[in-house]
Amino acid sequence: MKTEASKTLFNRAQTLIPGGVNSPVRACKSVGTTPLFITRAQGCYIHDVDGNQFIDYVGSWGPMILGHCHPAIVEALTHALSRGASYGAPTELEIELAQLIVDAVTSVDMVRMVNSGTEAAMSAIRLARAATGRDIIVKFDGCYHGHADALLVDAGSGVATLAIPGSPGVPNAAVNCTVSVPYNNVEVFERIMDEKADQIAAVIVEPVAGNMGLVAPKDGFLKALRDSCDKTGSVLIFDEVMTGFRVAYGGAQTLYGIKPDLTCFGKIIGGGLPVGAYGGGKDLMSMVAPQGPVYQAGTLSGNPLAMAAGISTLKELKKTGFYEGLEVSSNRLFSGLSNAAEQAGVPVTGARVGSMMGLYFTDSPVFNYSDAKKSDLKRFNYYYRKMLEQGIYLAPSQFEASFVSSAHDDHAIDKTIEAAKNVFGSLQI
């Protein structure tokens, strides 16, 4: 595998961009490699500047559920671009995408478009604080909700990958208003809720944790959050930036049958373009300006290109049999990887929810961030590098999920499983 051109570009990038990248995990520091600079992608394949082709399981960190350059998305974007890239004014496209989301997610009556998952989570929390008149936010260790000050306490994703406990520049006052508890631990959560019942504005959670690898909720965990918020009058926020329309058409809340008060969306609802959104019942959402007093704004919110891509994506996902087919492919891949590790005698614990999955290099079960951190990172790093050499593009972190798209056909999945067999077979036990 050639990497000379990527290395040259990375050296140049480091003189102009902090760390040479515009999002930290991309630097590949934790796996000891140089980031690959990508030139194009098609279907389930991605190509770099050195001419290498890879089967892509990053999928732009989740949104490419249809694969890259899906014809329907390309057509929608081409048509929208021919009419103008941005207006900073309302369009009918915004209404159409909002209607699709409202129709799909039963807990959402109204939705506000923003430009990122960070914006969505930040705005939802502001709304929850305004609605309750309280300050404290409860989150869960290893769950990542963007880089807003109050949410970098024990965060996952890149913060976990780089082993950063939080971040300089975050005021103590912001940290003091955030309580982080272990994911899947109902006992600790309920104790905190009882102790601070009249102070907690909101509980925010990834219903399926995809930023510490992939951790599914235990039976009863999400219901315990719902029941406790009902008891205390706190707002329950589901961060479905990653899981929304990924694990099911209506998101994880549809899959598990739990209704949050507010939901954060992103990734897929923009079809790969920069989009986020937050939504909920009319009682809460009517408090958002200009209808209400809770201010939030954005010049590029509802951008016509992003709306067009999102509409086209959700219409494709609604087609009969889409998720059933994706489930078959995802299960086939996950089972193949798990079996390959078992046959090689490599201790691996895995989890999969729909087309999201993760493998941990440990023989212990993983229910939370503390469990995830017990993984053998040296083995993961070896696995990552060797899979890359065989043409398999994975997230460069033990603490990130992998994503399957409808473009991953049997050939791509078989090649991935065969590569894993070779890599697991070469691991030193």
Protein backbone atom coordinates (compact mmCIF):
# COMPACT_ATOMS: atom_id res chain seq x y z
CA MET A 1 0.00 0.00 0.00
CA LYS A 2 1.47 3.33 -1.07
CA THR A 3 1.24 6.30 1.29
CA GLU A 4 3.83 8.76 -0.01
CA ALA A 5 1.36 11.30 -1.40
CA SER A 6 -0.74 11.25 1.79
CA LYS A 7 2.36 11.76 3.92
CA THR A 8 3.42 14.73 1.78
CA LEU A 9 -0.01 16.33 2.10
CA PHE A 10 -0.13 15.67 5.84
CA ASN A 11 3.25 17.35 6.34
CA ARG A 12 1.99 20.39 4.44
CA ALA A 13 -1.33 20.38 6.31
CA GLN A 14 0.42 20.46 9.69
CA THR A 15 1.95 23.84 8.82
CA LEU A 16 -1.48 25.34 8.07
CA ILE A 17 -4.07 23.43 10.17
CA PRO A 18 -3.73 22.50 13.88
CA GLY A 19 -2.49 18.92 13.92
CA GLY A 20 -2.94 18.79 10.16
CA VAL A 21 -6.64 17.90 10.41
CA ASN A 22 -9.97 19.64 10.96
CA SER A 23 -11.27 17.02 13.41
CA PRO A 24 -8.86 15.34 15.87
CA VAL A 25 -9.52 11.61 15.35
CA ARG A 26 -8.62 11.97 11.66
CA ALA A 27 -4.98 12.53 12.62
CA CYS A 28 -4.68 8.78 13.38
CA LYS A 29 -2.33 9.50 16.29
CA SER A 30 -3.77 6.75 18.47
CA VAL A 31 -3.06 4.06 15.86
CA GLY A 32 0.39 5.37 14.94
CA THR A 33 -0.26 5.99 11.26
CA THR A 34 -0.49 8.90 8.84
CA PRO A 35 -4.02 9.86 7.79
CA LEU A 36 -5.00 8.99 4.26
CA PHE A 37 -6.06 11.90 2.08
CA ILE A 38 -9.16 10.94 0.12
CA THR A 39 -9.88 11.96 -3.47
CA ARG A 40 -13.19 10.26 -4.24
CA ALA A 41 -15.68 7.60 -3.20
CA GLN A 42 -18.29 5.47 -4.91
CA GLY A 43 -20.63 2.90 -3.43
CA CYS A 44 -18.85 1.18 -0.54
CA TYR A 45 -15.40 2.10 -1.84
CA ILE A 46 -13.15 5.04 -1.01
CA HIS A 47 -9.96 6.09 -2.86
CA ASP A 48 -6.91 8.02 -1.66
CA VAL A 49 -4.34 10.26 -3.34
CA ASP A 50 -1.89 7.36 -3.69
CA GLY A 51 -4.37 5.42 -5.81
CA ASN A 52 -5.34 2.92 -3.10
CA GLN A 53 -8.91 1.62 -2.97
CA PHE A 54 -10.56 0.61 0.31
CA ILE A 55 -13.86 -0.91 1.42
CA ASP A 56 -15.24 1.85 3.63
CA TYR A 57 -16.79 1.11 7.04
CA VAL A 58 -16.47 4.69 8.30
CA GLY A 59 -19.06 6.09 5.91
CA SER A 60 -18.16 9.68 6.82
CA TRP A 61 -18.75 8.59 10.45
CA GLY A 62 -22.24 7.29 9.80
CA PRO A 63 -24.32 9.26 7.30
CA MET A 64 -23.52 7.31 4.14
CA ILE A 65 -26.14 4.64 4.77
CA LEU A 66 -26.81 4.45 1.01
CA GLY A 67 -23.11 4.36 0.17
CA HIS A 68 -21.19 7.12 -1.56
CA CYS A 69 -22.53 9.01 -4.58
CA HIS A 70 -25.90 7.29 -4.60
CA PRO A 71 -27.58 8.28 -7.89
CA ALA A 72 -30.70 9.68 -6.19
CA ILE A 73 -28.60 11.92 -3.92
CA VAL A 74 -26.38 13.10 -6.76
CA GLU A 75 -29.45 13.96 -8.84
CA ALA A 76 -31.09 15.84 -5.97
CA LEU A 77 -27.93 17.83 -5.24
CA THR A 78 -27.30 18.64 -8.89
CA HIS A 79 -30.83 19.97 -9.28
CA ALA A 80 -30.64 22.00 -6.05
CA LEU A 81 -27.21 23.45 -6.88
CA SER A 82 -28.43 24.62 -10.28
CA ARG A 83 -30.89 26.85 -8.41
CA GLY A 84 -28.39 28.29 -5.92
CA ALA A 85 -26.18 27.04 -3.10
CA SER A 86 -27.51 29.18 -0.24
CA TYR A 87 -30.15 31.84 0.28
CA GLY A 88 -30.30 32.50 4.01
CA ALA A 89 -34.07 32.49 3.52
CA PRO A 90 -36.88 29.93 3.87
CA THR A 91 -37.44 27.26 1.22
CA GLU A 92 -40.10 24.63 0.70
CA LEU A 93 -37.37 21.99 1.03
CA GLU A 94 -37.10 22.74 4.76
CA ILE A 95 -40.79 22.00 5.23
CA GLU A 96 -40.57 18.76 3.27
CA LEU A 97 -37.65 17.40 5.29
CA ALA A 98 -39.27 18.48 8.55
CA GLN A 99 -42.46 16.65 7.54
CA LEU A 100 -40.51 13.46 6.81
CA ILE A 101 -38.89 13.59 10.25
CA VAL A 102 -42.14 14.35 12.08
CA ASP A 103 -43.92 11.52 10.25
CA ALA A 104 -41.15 9.06 11.12
CA VAL A 105 -40.53 9.93 14.79
CA THR A 106 -43.63 9.81 16.98
CA SER A 107 -42.09 11.90 19.79
CA VAL A 108 -41.49 14.83 17.43
CA ASP A 109 -44.20 17.35 16.50
CA MET A 110 -41.86 20.15 15.44
CA VAL A 111 -38.23 20.26 14.40
CA ARG A 112 -35.60 23.00 14.03
CA MET A 113 -32.80 22.53 11.51
CA VAL A 114 -29.22 23.37 12.49
CA ASN A 115 -25.82 22.61 10.96
CA SER A 116 -24.25 19.96 13.17
CA GLY A 117 -24.85 17.48 15.95
CA THR A 118 -22.99 19.76 18.35
CA GLU A 119 -25.44 22.56 17.57
CA ALA A 120 -28.40 20.24 18.00
CA ALA A 121 -27.32 18.98 21.44
CA MET A 122 -26.30 22.43 22.65
CA SER A 123 -29.64 23.89 21.56
CA ALA A 124 -31.70 21.07 23.06
CA ILE A 125 -29.99 21.54 26.41
CA ARG A 126 -30.60 25.30 26.34
CA LEU A 127 -34.26 24.60 25.65
CA ALA A 128 -34.47 22.06 28.48
CA ARG A 129 -32.94 24.52 30.94
CA ALA A 130 -35.35 27.23 29.88
CA ALA A 131 -38.34 24.91 30.20
CA THR A 132 -37.42 23.64 33.67
CA GLY A 133 -35.69 26.68 35.17
CA ARG A 134 -32.90 24.33 36.29
CA ASP A 135 -29.20 24.14 35.45
CA ILE A 136 -27.78 20.64 35.92
CA ILE A 137 -27.37 18.22 33.02
CA VAL A 138 -26.91 14.48 33.54
CA LYS A 139 -24.96 12.64 30.86
CA PHE A 140 -23.22 9.27 30.67
CA ASP A 141 -19.51 8.43 30.68
CA GLY A 142 -18.24 7.82 27.16
CA CYS A 143 -21.24 9.35 25.41
CA TYR A 144 -20.25 12.17 23.08
CA HIS A 145 -22.70 14.97 22.35
CA GLY A 146 -20.45 17.39 20.53
CA HIS A 147 -17.87 19.84 21.82
CA ALA A 148 -20.08 22.33 23.68
CA ASP A 149 -18.49 23.21 27.04
CA ALA A 150 -20.93 21.42 29.32
CA LEU A 151 -20.77 18.21 27.31
CA LEU A 152 -17.03 17.54 27.29
CA VAL A 153 -17.14 15.96 30.75
CA ASP A 154 -16.12 12.28 30.39
CA ALA A 155 -16.96 12.41 26.69
CA GLY A 156 -16.34 9.64 24.19
CA SER A 157 -15.35 9.73 20.51
CA GLY A 158 -12.18 11.75 19.82
CA VAL A 159 -11.86 12.79 23.47
CA ALA A 160 -11.67 9.11 24.42
CA THR A 161 -9.38 8.27 21.51
CA LEU A 162 -6.85 10.94 22.49
CA ALA A 163 -7.22 10.14 26.22
CA ILE A 164 -8.17 13.75 27.00
CA PRO A 165 -10.11 13.99 30.29
CA GLY A 166 -11.98 17.10 29.21
CA SER A 167 -10.61 20.25 27.63
CA PRO A 168 -8.74 23.38 28.66
CA GLY A 169 -10.84 26.46 28.03
CA VAL A 170 -13.96 25.01 29.59
CA PRO A 171 -15.02 27.12 32.60
CA ASN A 172 -15.48 25.40 35.94
CA ALA A 173 -18.99 26.81 36.05
CA ALA A 174 -19.90 24.79 32.95
CA VAL A 175 -18.38 21.62 34.33
CA ASN A 176 -20.07 22.10 37.69
CA CYS A 177 -23.45 21.99 35.97
CA THR A 178 -22.78 18.59 34.41
CA VAL A 179 -22.95 15.22 36.15
CA SER A 180 -21.65 12.17 34.30
CA VAL A 181 -22.60 8.65 35.41
CA PRO A 182 -21.81 5.16 34.05
CA TYR A 183 -23.82 4.10 31.01
CA ASN A 184 -26.19 1.18 31.67
CA ASN A 185 -25.95 1.65 35.46
CA VAL A 186 -29.50 2.27 36.63
CA GLU A 187 -28.66 2.19 40.32
CA VAL A 188 -26.12 5.03 40.18
CA PHE A 189 -28.31 7.04 37.81
CA GLU A 190 -31.39 6.82 40.03
CA ARG A 191 -29.38 7.78 43.10
CA ILE A 192 -28.13 10.94 41.37
CA MET A 193 -31.64 11.77 40.21
CA ASP A 194 -33.03 11.35 43.72
CA GLU A 195 -30.27 13.45 45.30
CA LYS A 196 -30.58 16.34 42.83
CA ALA A 197 -34.19 15.95 41.73
CA ASP A 198 -35.11 19.63 41.85
CA GLN A 199 -31.86 20.77 40.13
CA ILE A 200 -31.69 18.55 37.05
CA ALA A 201 -32.86 20.19 33.85
CA ALA A 202 -32.19 17.31 31.50
CA VAL A 203 -30.79 13.84 31.01
CA ILE A 204 -29.03 13.43 27.66
CA VAL A 205 -28.02 10.02 26.34
CA GLU A 206 -27.05 8.15 23.21
CA PRO A 207 -29.75 5.47 23.26
CA VAL A 208 -27.19 3.24 21.57
CA ALA A 209 -23.72 4.42 22.51
CA GLY A 210 -21.65 4.77 19.35
CA ASN A 211 -18.85 6.96 20.64
CA MET A 212 -17.11 4.46 22.93
CA GLY A 213 -17.16 1.76 20.29
CA LEU A 214 -20.64 0.27 20.18
CA VAL A 215 -22.52 -0.37 23.42
CA ALA A 216 -26.18 -1.38 23.39
CA PRO A 217 -28.52 -0.38 26.22
CA LYS A 218 -29.30 -3.11 28.74
CA ASP A 219 -32.90 -4.21 29.04
CA GLY A 220 -34.73 -1.65 31.14
CA PHE A 221 -32.01 1.02 31.02
CA LEU A 222 -33.77 3.47 28.71
CA LYS A 223 -37.09 2.90 30.45
CA ALA A 224 -35.45 3.74 33.78
CA LEU A 225 -34.33 7.07 32.30
CA ARG A 226 -37.83 7.79 31.05
CA ASP A 227 -39.44 6.88 34.37
CA SER A 228 -36.98 8.94 36.40
CA CYS A 229 -37.41 12.02 34.20
CA ASP A 230 -41.18 11.69 34.54
CA LYS A 231 -40.79 11.50 38.31
CA THR A 232 -38.47 14.52 38.62
CA GLY A 233 -39.86 16.72 35.86
CA SER A 234 -36.54 16.62 33.99
CA VAL A 235 -36.35 16.65 30.20
CA LEU A 236 -35.18 13.41 28.56
CA ILE A 237 -33.02 14.07 25.49
CA PHE A 238 -32.09 11.28 23.09
CA ASP A 239 -28.99 12.12 21.09
CA GLU A 240 -29.84 10.27 17.89
CA VAL A 241 -27.31 12.14 15.76
CA MET A 242 -25.75 8.75 15.02
CA THR A 243 -28.65 6.33 15.54
CA GLY A 244 -31.46 8.36 13.99
CA PHE A 245 -32.58 6.64 10.76
CA ARG A 246 -29.52 4.37 11.12
CA VAL A 247 -30.70 1.61 13.48
CA ALA A 248 -34.32 1.96 12.33
CA TYR A 249 -36.33 4.40 10.23
CA GLY A 250 -37.68 6.15 13.33
CA GLY A 251 -34.40 5.82 15.20
CA ALA A 252 -33.47 3.98 18.38
CA GLN A 253 -36.57 5.29 20.15
CA THR A 254 -38.68 3.36 17.66
CA LEU A 255 -36.51 0.28 18.05
CA TYR A 256 -36.76 0.28 21.85
CA GLY A 257 -40.21 1.81 22.26
CA ILE A 258 -39.15 4.72 24.50
CA LYS A 259 -40.26 8.30 23.79
CA PRO A 260 -37.86 11.10 24.78
CA ASP A 261 -38.97 14.71 25.24
CA LEU A 262 -36.39 16.05 22.79
CA THR A 263 -34.37 14.34 20.09
CA CYS A 264 -31.15 15.44 18.40
CA PHE A 265 -30.64 14.40 14.78
CA GLY A 266 -27.75 14.63 12.34
CA LYS A 267 -25.65 12.52 9.99
CA ILE A 268 -28.20 10.73 7.81
CA ILE A 269 -30.83 13.49 7.63
CA GLY A 270 -28.38 15.50 5.53
CA GLY A 271 -27.44 12.69 3.19
CA GLY A 272 -23.76 13.33 3.91
CA LEU A 273 -23.93 17.13 3.98
CA PRO A 274 -23.50 19.20 7.19
CA VAL A 275 -26.89 19.02 8.90
CA GLY A 276 -28.28 18.67 12.41
CA ALA A 277 -31.69 19.13 13.94
CA TYR A 278 -33.53 18.95 17.24
CA GLY A 279 -37.19 18.30 17.77
CA GLY A 280 -39.89 17.36 20.24
CA GLY A 281 -43.44 18.08 21.30
CA LYS A 282 -45.10 21.41 20.49
CA ASP A 283 -45.08 22.46 24.13
CA LEU A 284 -41.29 22.50 24.24
CA MET A 285 -40.53 23.47 20.65
CA SER A 286 -42.91 26.44 20.81
CA MET A 287 -40.46 28.00 23.24
CA VAL A 288 -37.83 28.36 20.49
CA ALA A 289 -37.42 31.82 18.93
CA PRO A 290 -39.09 33.50 17.15
CA GLN A 291 -42.18 31.73 18.49
CA GLY A 292 -40.81 31.76 22.02
CA PRO A 293 -37.98 33.30 24.09
CA VAL A 294 -35.24 30.61 23.71
CA TYR A 295 -32.84 32.03 21.16
CA GLN A 296 -31.03 29.94 18.57
CA ALA A 297 -30.13 30.92 15.02
CA GLY A 298 -27.95 29.99 12.06
CA THR A 299 -27.40 31.57 8.66
CA LEU A 300 -26.88 28.21 6.95
CA SER A 301 -29.57 26.32 8.86
CA GLY A 302 -31.95 24.71 6.35
CA ASN A 303 -29.41 25.09 3.55
CA PRO A 304 -31.12 24.02 0.29
CA LEU A 305 -28.37 21.60 -0.73
CA ALA A 306 -28.46 19.83 2.61
CA MET A 307 -32.26 19.73 2.64
CA ALA A 308 -32.37 18.26 -0.87
CA ALA A 309 -29.84 15.56 0.04
CA GLY A 310 -31.70 14.75 3.25
CA ILE A 311 -35.09 14.49 1.57
CA SER A 312 -33.71 12.20 -1.11
CA THR A 313 -32.00 10.00 1.50
CA LEU A 314 -35.05 9.56 3.71
CA LYS A 315 -37.21 8.72 0.70
CA GLU A 316 -34.78 5.96 -0.24
CA LEU A 317 -34.82 4.62 3.32
CA LYS A 318 -38.63 4.42 3.26
CA LYS A 319 -38.61 1.96 0.37
CA THR A 320 -39.92 -1.50 1.16
CA GLY A 321 -37.27 -3.93 2.37
CA PHE A 322 -34.45 -1.40 2.82
CA TYR A 323 -33.76 -2.05 6.49
CA GLU A 324 -34.41 -5.78 6.17
CA GLY A 325 -31.70 -6.00 3.52
CA LEU A 326 -29.32 -3.88 5.56
CA GLU A 327 -29.93 -6.11 8.59
CA VAL A 328 -28.98 -9.24 6.62
CA SER A 329 -25.75 -7.68 5.37
CA SER A 330 -24.80 -6.27 8.76
CA ASN A 331 -25.44 -9.55 10.53
CA ARG A 332 -23.43 -11.42 7.93
CA LEU A 333 -20.45 -9.14 8.41
CA PHE A 334 -20.61 -9.10 12.21
CA SER A 335 -21.00 -12.86 12.45
CA GLY A 336 -18.11 -13.36 10.04
CA LEU A 337 -15.77 -11.10 11.98
CA SER A 338 -16.74 -12.65 15.32
CA ASN A 339 -16.24 -16.17 13.98
CA ALA A 340 -12.88 -15.24 12.48
CA ALA A 341 -11.66 -14.00 15.86
CA GLU A 342 -12.99 -17.09 17.65
CA GLN A 343 -11.35 -19.49 15.18
CA ALA A 344 -8.03 -17.69 15.62
CA GLY A 345 -8.35 -17.81 19.42
CA VAL A 346 -8.31 -14.03 19.71
CA PRO A 347 -10.38 -12.74 22.66
CA VAL A 348 -12.89 -10.30 21.19
CA THR A 349 -16.17 -8.95 22.51
CA GLY A 350 -18.54 -7.45 19.99
CA ALA A 351 -21.87 -5.71 19.78
CA ARG A 352 -24.19 -4.81 16.92
CA VAL A 353 -27.41 -2.83 16.68
CA GLY A 354 -28.73 -2.69 13.15
CA SER A 355 -26.00 -1.50 10.80
CA MET A 356 -23.80 -0.17 13.63
CA MET A 357 -21.22 -2.46 15.19
CA GLY A 358 -18.05 -2.58 17.23
CA LEU A 359 -15.37 -5.09 18.24
CA TYR A 360 -13.39 -4.79 21.48
CA PHE A 361 -10.14 -6.65 22.05
CA THR A 362 -11.13 -8.04 25.43
CA ASP A 363 -12.81 -11.23 26.65
CA SER A 364 -14.90 -9.30 29.19
CA PRO A 365 -18.39 -7.99 28.45
CA VAL A 366 -18.62 -4.28 27.59
CA PHE A 367 -21.58 -2.45 29.12
CA ASN A 368 -20.05 1.01 29.66
CA TYR A 369 -17.05 3.25 29.07
CA SER A 370 -15.07 1.74 31.94
CA ASP A 371 -15.46 -1.71 30.39
CA ALA A 372 -14.52 -0.38 26.94
CA LYS A 373 -11.27 1.07 28.28
CA LYS A 374 -10.15 -2.42 29.30
CA SER A 375 -9.66 -3.28 25.62
CA ASP A 376 -6.17 -4.16 24.43
CA LEU A 377 -5.39 -1.03 22.40
CA LYS A 378 -2.13 -2.46 21.05
CA ARG A 379 -4.05 -5.31 19.48
CA PHE A 380 -6.65 -2.94 18.08
CA ASN A 381 -3.93 -0.76 16.58
CA TYR A 382 -2.34 -3.79 14.94
CA TYR A 383 -5.74 -4.91 13.66
CA TYR A 384 -6.47 -1.45 12.26
CA ARG A 385 -3.15 -1.15 10.42
CA LYS A 386 -3.22 -4.67 8.99
CA MET A 387 -6.83 -4.38 7.84
CA LEU A 388 -5.92 -1.11 6.13
CA GLU A 389 -3.07 -2.86 4.32
CA GLN A 390 -5.60 -5.36 3.00
CA GLY A 391 -7.91 -2.66 1.72
CA ILE A 392 -10.34 -2.33 4.64
CA TYR A 393 -10.98 1.23 5.85
CA LEU A 394 -11.99 1.31 9.54
CA ALA A 395 -12.26 4.16 12.03
CA PRO A 396 -8.78 4.75 13.53
CA SER A 397 -9.99 4.27 17.10
CA GLN A 398 -11.16 1.47 19.36
CA PHE A 399 -13.79 3.92 20.60
CA GLU A 400 -15.66 4.45 17.32
CA ALA A 401 -18.37 2.33 15.74
CA SER A 402 -18.28 0.83 12.25
CA PHE A 403 -21.12 1.35 9.76
CA VAL A 404 -22.54 -0.84 7.02
CA SER A 405 -24.32 0.69 4.03
CA SER A 406 -26.73 -0.73 1.49
CA ALA A 407 -23.83 -0.53 -0.99
CA HIS A 408 -21.85 -3.20 0.88
CA ASP A 409 -22.56 -6.24 -1.29
CA ASP A 410 -21.63 -9.87 -0.64
CA HIS A 411 -18.31 -9.47 -2.43
CA ALA A 412 -17.25 -6.57 -0.20
CA ILE A 413 -18.36 -8.34 2.97
CA ASP A 414 -16.64 -11.61 2.00
CA LYS A 415 -13.42 -9.74 1.27
CA THR A 416 -13.64 -8.01 4.66
CA ILE A 417 -14.16 -11.29 6.52
CA GLU A 418 -11.27 -12.92 4.66
CA ALA A 419 -9.01 -9.99 5.54
CA ALA A 420 -10.02 -10.30 9.20
CA LYS A 421 -9.18 -14.01 9.17
CA ASN A 422 -5.69 -13.20 7.94
CA VAL A 423 -5.19 -10.44 10.51
CA PHE A 424 -6.58 -12.39 13.49
CA GLY A 425 -4.45 -15.34 12.46
CA SER A 426 -1.31 -13.21 12.64
CA LEU A 427 -2.05 -11.69 16.05
CA GLN A 428 0.27 -12.81 18.83
CA ILE A 429 -1.80 -14.47 21.58
